[in-house]
Amino acid sequence: MMKIKDISAALVLFEESAAKQAEATELGDYKAGNKYYDKVVEAANFLKATNSIDKIRGFLSHSSVGVRMWAAAYSLPFDEKEATKILREIINGSGIHALTAETTLMEWQKGNLKF
């Protein structure tokens, strides 16, 4: 894994990796999906460690469903209302991302997700 140098780099990595992870999922490419998932987590962990995770709020209106979904998931602990709204919008769509958003929200409500 690459060494993230600053918050800006972490945000770029989060955005790019979330979009690519979603694309790989759509294509059924689990190897690429897993690779980009790891990068999303790496970027989010850096942002959490620097008390900057709230900066992903800007991605809640991103054009990529993957970026919106990952941003919403990681926003649940500090902006549950807005994150839930975004996840519900994705749920109302179709395909694998609707199912992923639904599962994410359901597991959050059960208390099974820890970010």
N, C-alpha and C. Protein backbone atom coordinates (compact mmCIF):
# COMPACT_ATOMS: atom_id res chain seq x y z
N MET A 1 0.83 -1.18 0.00
CA MET A 1 0.00 0.00 0.00
C MET A 1 0.88 1.25 0.00
N MET A 2 0.32 2.28 -0.61
CA MET A 2 1.08 3.52 -0.67
C MET A 2 0.95 4.28 0.65
N LYS A 3 1.92 5.10 0.92
CA LYS A 3 1.90 5.91 2.13
C LYS A 3 1.19 7.22 1.81
N ILE A 4 0.09 7.46 2.51
CA ILE A 4 -0.67 8.69 2.31
C ILE A 4 0.05 9.81 3.06
N LYS A 5 0.28 10.91 2.35
CA LYS A 5 1.07 12.00 2.92
C LYS A 5 0.24 13.07 3.62
N ASP A 6 -0.99 13.31 3.13
CA ASP A 6 -1.77 14.39 3.73
C ASP A 6 -3.27 14.16 3.46
N ILE A 7 -4.08 15.02 4.03
CA ILE A 7 -5.53 14.89 3.94
C ILE A 7 -6.00 14.98 2.49
N SER A 8 -5.43 15.90 1.75
CA SER A 8 -5.81 16.06 0.35
C SER A 8 -5.56 14.78 -0.44
N ALA A 9 -4.42 14.17 -0.24
CA ALA A 9 -4.10 12.92 -0.93
C ALA A 9 -5.05 11.80 -0.50
N ALA A 10 -5.42 11.78 0.77
CA ALA A 10 -6.35 10.76 1.26
C ALA A 10 -7.72 10.94 0.61
N LEU A 11 -8.16 12.18 0.46
CA LEU A 11 -9.45 12.44 -0.17
C LEU A 11 -9.45 12.02 -1.64
N VAL A 12 -8.36 12.30 -2.34
CA VAL A 12 -8.25 11.88 -3.74
C VAL A 12 -8.26 10.36 -3.83
N LEU A 13 -7.50 9.70 -2.96
CA LEU A 13 -7.47 8.24 -2.96
C LEU A 13 -8.85 7.66 -2.65
N PHE A 14 -9.54 8.23 -1.68
CA PHE A 14 -10.89 7.77 -1.33
C PHE A 14 -11.81 7.88 -2.54
N GLU A 15 -11.83 9.05 -3.15
CA GLU A 15 -12.72 9.31 -4.28
C GLU A 15 -12.43 8.36 -5.45
N GLU A 16 -11.18 8.30 -5.86
CA GLU A 16 -10.82 7.47 -7.02
C GLU A 16 -11.06 5.99 -6.73
N SER A 17 -10.69 5.54 -5.55
CA SER A 17 -10.82 4.13 -5.22
C SER A 17 -12.28 3.71 -5.06
N ALA A 18 -13.10 4.59 -4.48
CA ALA A 18 -14.52 4.28 -4.33
C ALA A 18 -15.18 4.14 -5.70
N ALA A 19 -14.84 5.04 -6.62
CA ALA A 19 -15.41 4.97 -7.98
C ALA A 19 -14.95 3.69 -8.68
N LYS A 20 -13.68 3.37 -8.57
CA LYS A 20 -13.15 2.18 -9.25
C LYS A 20 -13.66 0.90 -8.60
N GLN A 21 -13.86 0.91 -7.28
CA GLN A 21 -14.40 -0.26 -6.61
C GLN A 21 -15.81 -0.54 -7.10
N ALA A 22 -16.61 0.50 -7.24
CA ALA A 22 -17.98 0.35 -7.73
C ALA A 22 -17.99 -0.16 -9.17
N GLU A 23 -17.12 0.38 -10.00
CA GLU A 23 -17.03 -0.07 -11.39
C GLU A 23 -16.65 -1.55 -11.46
N ALA A 24 -15.68 -1.94 -10.66
CA ALA A 24 -15.25 -3.34 -10.65
C ALA A 24 -16.38 -4.25 -10.19
N THR A 25 -17.15 -3.79 -9.21
CA THR A 25 -18.29 -4.56 -8.72
C THR A 25 -19.32 -4.75 -9.84
N GLU A 26 -19.59 -3.68 -10.57
CA GLU A 26 -20.54 -3.76 -11.68
C GLU A 26 -20.10 -4.76 -12.74
N LEU A 27 -18.79 -4.85 -12.94
CA LEU A 27 -18.24 -5.76 -13.95
C LEU A 27 -18.04 -7.18 -13.42
N GLY A 28 -18.26 -7.36 -12.12
CA GLY A 28 -18.05 -8.68 -11.53
C GLY A 28 -16.58 -9.02 -11.33
N ASP A 29 -15.73 -8.02 -11.32
CA ASP A 29 -14.29 -8.22 -11.15
C ASP A 29 -13.94 -8.10 -9.66
N TYR A 30 -14.09 -9.21 -8.95
CA TYR A 30 -13.91 -9.16 -7.50
C TYR A 30 -12.47 -8.87 -7.10
N LYS A 31 -11.50 -9.30 -7.90
CA LYS A 31 -10.10 -9.03 -7.54
C LYS A 31 -9.82 -7.53 -7.55
N ALA A 32 -10.24 -6.85 -8.61
CA ALA A 32 -10.06 -5.40 -8.67
C ALA A 32 -10.92 -4.73 -7.60
N GLY A 33 -12.13 -5.21 -7.40
CA GLY A 33 -13.01 -4.66 -6.38
C GLY A 33 -12.38 -4.72 -5.00
N ASN A 34 -11.78 -5.86 -4.68
CA ASN A 34 -11.12 -6.02 -3.38
C ASN A 34 -9.91 -5.09 -3.25
N LYS A 35 -9.16 -4.94 -4.34
CA LYS A 35 -7.99 -4.06 -4.33
C LYS A 35 -8.42 -2.62 -4.03
N TYR A 36 -9.47 -2.16 -4.71
CA TYR A 36 -9.92 -0.79 -4.49
C TYR A 36 -10.63 -0.63 -3.15
N TYR A 37 -11.29 -1.67 -2.69
CA TYR A 37 -11.89 -1.64 -1.34
C TYR A 37 -10.80 -1.36 -0.31
N ASP A 38 -9.68 -2.08 -0.42
CA ASP A 38 -8.57 -1.88 0.52
C ASP A 38 -8.09 -0.43 0.51
N LYS A 39 -8.09 0.18 -0.67
CA LYS A 39 -7.63 1.57 -0.77
C LYS A 39 -8.65 2.54 -0.17
N VAL A 40 -9.94 2.24 -0.33
CA VAL A 40 -10.98 3.06 0.30
C VAL A 40 -10.78 3.04 1.81
N VAL A 41 -10.59 1.85 2.35
CA VAL A 41 -10.40 1.68 3.80
C VAL A 41 -9.13 2.39 4.26
N GLU A 42 -8.05 2.26 3.49
CA GLU A 42 -6.79 2.92 3.83
C GLU A 42 -6.98 4.44 3.91
N ALA A 43 -7.65 5.00 2.91
CA ALA A 43 -7.89 6.44 2.89
C ALA A 43 -8.78 6.86 4.05
N ALA A 44 -9.84 6.10 4.29
CA ALA A 44 -10.76 6.42 5.39
C ALA A 44 -10.04 6.34 6.74
N ASN A 45 -9.21 5.34 6.90
CA ASN A 45 -8.46 5.21 8.16
C ASN A 45 -7.52 6.38 8.39
N PHE A 46 -6.88 6.85 7.32
CA PHE A 46 -6.01 8.02 7.43
C PHE A 46 -6.84 9.24 7.84
N LEU A 47 -7.98 9.41 7.19
CA LEU A 47 -8.84 10.55 7.51
C LEU A 47 -9.35 10.48 8.94
N LYS A 48 -9.69 9.29 9.40
CA LYS A 48 -10.13 9.15 10.80
C LYS A 48 -8.98 9.47 11.75
N ALA A 49 -7.79 8.97 11.44
CA ALA A 49 -6.63 9.17 12.31
C ALA A 49 -6.24 10.64 12.41
N THR A 50 -6.57 11.42 11.39
CA THR A 50 -6.25 12.85 11.40
C THR A 50 -7.47 13.71 11.72
N ASN A 51 -8.50 13.06 12.27
CA ASN A 51 -9.76 13.74 12.63
C ASN A 51 -10.33 14.54 11.45
N SER A 52 -10.26 13.95 10.26
CA SER A 52 -10.70 14.63 9.05
C SER A 52 -11.74 13.84 8.27
N ILE A 53 -12.27 12.77 8.84
CA ILE A 53 -13.21 11.92 8.11
C ILE A 53 -14.45 12.71 7.67
N ASP A 54 -14.80 13.75 8.41
CA ASP A 54 -15.97 14.54 8.03
C ASP A 54 -15.80 15.25 6.69
N LYS A 55 -14.58 15.34 6.19
CA LYS A 55 -14.33 15.99 4.91
C LYS A 55 -14.90 15.18 3.73
N ILE A 56 -15.30 13.94 3.97
CA ILE A 56 -15.90 13.14 2.89
C ILE A 56 -17.34 13.58 2.62
N ARG A 57 -17.89 14.44 3.46
CA ARG A 57 -19.26 14.96 3.22
C ARG A 57 -19.40 15.52 1.81
N GLY A 58 -18.34 16.10 1.32
CA GLY A 58 -18.37 16.68 -0.02
C GLY A 58 -18.64 15.66 -1.11
N PHE A 59 -18.44 14.40 -0.81
CA PHE A 59 -18.66 13.34 -1.79
C PHE A 59 -20.10 12.81 -1.79
N LEU A 60 -20.92 13.29 -0.88
CA LEU A 60 -22.29 12.79 -0.78
C LEU A 60 -23.15 13.17 -1.99
N SER A 61 -22.68 14.12 -2.78
CA SER A 61 -23.42 14.50 -3.99
C SER A 61 -22.60 14.19 -5.25
N HIS A 62 -21.64 13.32 -5.13
CA HIS A 62 -20.76 12.95 -6.25
C HIS A 62 -21.54 12.28 -7.37
N SER A 63 -21.07 12.41 -8.58
CA SER A 63 -21.74 11.80 -9.73
C SER A 63 -21.63 10.27 -9.73
N SER A 64 -20.60 9.72 -9.10
CA SER A 64 -20.43 8.27 -9.04
C SER A 64 -21.22 7.68 -7.88
N VAL A 65 -22.05 6.71 -8.18
CA VAL A 65 -22.84 6.06 -7.13
C VAL A 65 -21.91 5.41 -6.10
N GLY A 66 -20.80 4.89 -6.55
CA GLY A 66 -19.85 4.26 -5.62
C GLY A 66 -19.27 5.25 -4.64
N VAL A 67 -18.90 6.42 -5.12
CA VAL A 67 -18.34 7.44 -4.23
C VAL A 67 -19.40 7.90 -3.25
N ARG A 68 -20.63 8.13 -3.74
CA ARG A 68 -21.72 8.53 -2.84
C ARG A 68 -21.97 7.45 -1.78
N MET A 69 -21.98 6.20 -2.21
CA MET A 69 -22.30 5.11 -1.28
C MET A 69 -21.22 4.96 -0.21
N TRP A 70 -19.95 4.97 -0.61
CA TRP A 70 -18.87 4.85 0.37
C TRP A 70 -18.84 6.06 1.29
N ALA A 71 -19.05 7.25 0.74
CA ALA A 71 -19.08 8.45 1.58
C ALA A 71 -20.23 8.38 2.58
N ALA A 72 -21.37 7.92 2.12
CA ALA A 72 -22.53 7.80 3.02
C ALA A 72 -22.25 6.77 4.12
N ALA A 73 -21.69 5.66 3.74
CA ALA A 73 -21.40 4.62 4.74
C ALA A 73 -20.46 5.15 5.82
N TYR A 74 -19.39 5.82 5.40
CA TYR A 74 -18.43 6.34 6.38
C TYR A 74 -18.96 7.57 7.11
N SER A 75 -20.02 8.19 6.61
CA SER A 75 -20.62 9.35 7.28
C SER A 75 -21.66 8.97 8.33
N LEU A 76 -22.09 7.73 8.32
CA LEU A 76 -23.14 7.31 9.27
C LEU A 76 -22.85 7.68 10.72
N PRO A 77 -21.62 7.51 11.22
CA PRO A 77 -21.38 7.83 12.63
C PRO A 77 -21.48 9.31 12.99
N PHE A 78 -21.26 10.21 12.04
CA PHE A 78 -21.27 11.64 12.39
C PHE A 78 -22.34 12.45 11.68
N ASP A 79 -23.01 11.87 10.69
CA ASP A 79 -24.10 12.57 10.01
C ASP A 79 -25.11 11.53 9.53
N GLU A 80 -25.68 10.84 10.50
CA GLU A 80 -26.56 9.71 10.19
C GLU A 80 -27.75 10.12 9.32
N LYS A 81 -28.32 11.27 9.59
CA LYS A 81 -29.51 11.71 8.84
C LYS A 81 -29.20 11.85 7.35
N GLU A 82 -28.16 12.59 7.02
CA GLU A 82 -27.80 12.80 5.61
C GLU A 82 -27.30 11.51 4.96
N ALA A 83 -26.50 10.75 5.69
CA ALA A 83 -25.98 9.49 5.15
C ALA A 83 -27.12 8.52 4.84
N THR A 84 -28.08 8.45 5.73
CA THR A 84 -29.24 7.58 5.53
C THR A 84 -30.04 8.03 4.31
N LYS A 85 -30.18 9.33 4.15
CA LYS A 85 -30.90 9.87 2.99
C LYS A 85 -30.22 9.43 1.69
N ILE A 86 -28.91 9.54 1.63
CA ILE A 86 -28.17 9.15 0.43
C ILE A 86 -28.29 7.65 0.19
N LEU A 87 -28.14 6.86 1.23
CA LEU A 87 -28.27 5.41 1.06
C LEU A 87 -29.66 5.04 0.57
N ARG A 88 -30.69 5.69 1.08
CA ARG A 88 -32.07 5.42 0.63
C ARG A 88 -32.26 5.80 -0.84
N GLU A 89 -31.63 6.88 -1.27
CA GLU A 89 -31.70 7.25 -2.69
C GLU A 89 -31.07 6.16 -3.56
N ILE A 90 -29.95 5.61 -3.10
CA ILE A 90 -29.28 4.54 -3.85
C ILE A 90 -30.14 3.28 -3.84
N ILE A 91 -30.75 2.99 -2.71
CA ILE A 91 -31.63 1.82 -2.60
C ILE A 91 -32.77 1.90 -3.60
N ASN A 92 -33.27 3.10 -3.84
CA ASN A 92 -34.38 3.28 -4.78
C ASN A 92 -33.96 3.11 -6.24
N GLY A 93 -32.66 2.95 -6.47
CA GLY A 93 -32.16 2.68 -7.82
C GLY A 93 -32.29 1.20 -8.12
N SER A 94 -31.40 0.70 -8.92
CA SER A 94 -31.44 -0.71 -9.25
C SER A 94 -30.02 -1.28 -9.28
N GLY A 95 -29.94 -2.58 -9.34
CA GLY A 95 -28.65 -3.24 -9.48
C GLY A 95 -27.97 -3.52 -8.15
N ILE A 96 -26.72 -3.91 -8.28
CA ILE A 96 -25.93 -4.35 -7.14
C ILE A 96 -25.74 -3.25 -6.10
N HIS A 97 -25.64 -2.00 -6.53
CA HIS A 97 -25.41 -0.92 -5.57
C HIS A 97 -26.64 -0.68 -4.70
N ALA A 98 -27.82 -0.88 -5.25
CA ALA A 98 -29.05 -0.75 -4.45
C ALA A 98 -29.04 -1.79 -3.34
N LEU A 99 -28.65 -3.00 -3.67
CA LEU A 99 -28.59 -4.07 -2.67
C LEU A 99 -27.51 -3.79 -1.63
N THR A 100 -26.37 -3.31 -2.08
CA THR A 100 -25.28 -2.99 -1.15
C THR A 100 -25.69 -1.87 -0.19
N ALA A 101 -26.32 -0.84 -0.73
CA ALA A 101 -26.78 0.28 0.12
C ALA A 101 -27.82 -0.21 1.12
N GLU A 102 -28.72 -1.06 0.67
CA GLU A 102 -29.76 -1.59 1.56
C GLU A 102 -29.14 -2.42 2.69
N THR A 103 -28.18 -3.25 2.33
CA THR A 103 -27.51 -4.09 3.34
C THR A 103 -26.72 -3.21 4.31
N THR A 104 -26.05 -2.21 3.80
CA THR A 104 -25.28 -1.30 4.65
C THR A 104 -26.19 -0.62 5.66
N LEU A 105 -27.29 -0.08 5.19
CA LEU A 105 -28.22 0.62 6.07
C LEU A 105 -28.83 -0.34 7.09
N MET A 106 -29.21 -1.51 6.65
CA MET A 106 -29.82 -2.50 7.54
C MET A 106 -28.83 -2.92 8.65
N GLU A 107 -27.59 -3.17 8.26
CA GLU A 107 -26.58 -3.58 9.25
C GLU A 107 -26.23 -2.44 10.19
N TRP A 108 -26.24 -1.21 9.71
CA TRP A 108 -26.02 -0.04 10.57
C TRP A 108 -27.12 0.06 11.62
N GLN A 109 -28.36 -0.10 11.17
CA GLN A 109 -29.50 0.01 12.08
C GLN A 109 -29.49 -1.11 13.11
N LYS A 110 -28.95 -2.26 12.78
CA LYS A 110 -28.83 -3.37 13.73
C LYS A 110 -27.66 -3.19 14.69
N GLY A 111 -26.79 -2.21 14.40
CA GLY A 111 -25.62 -1.98 15.23
C GLY A 111 -24.44 -2.86 14.89
N ASN A 112 -24.45 -3.44 13.71
CA ASN A 112 -23.39 -4.36 13.30
C ASN A 112 -22.23 -3.72 12.57
N LEU A 113 -22.35 -2.44 12.22
CA LEU A 113 -21.25 -1.77 11.51
C LEU A 113 -20.48 -0.85 12.44
N LYS A 114 -19.19 -0.93 12.34
CA LYS A 114 -18.30 -0.06 13.11
C LYS A 114 -17.34 0.58 12.12
N PHE A 115 -17.37 1.90 12.04
CA PHE A 115 -16.48 2.60 11.12
C PHE A 115 -15.38 3.26 11.91
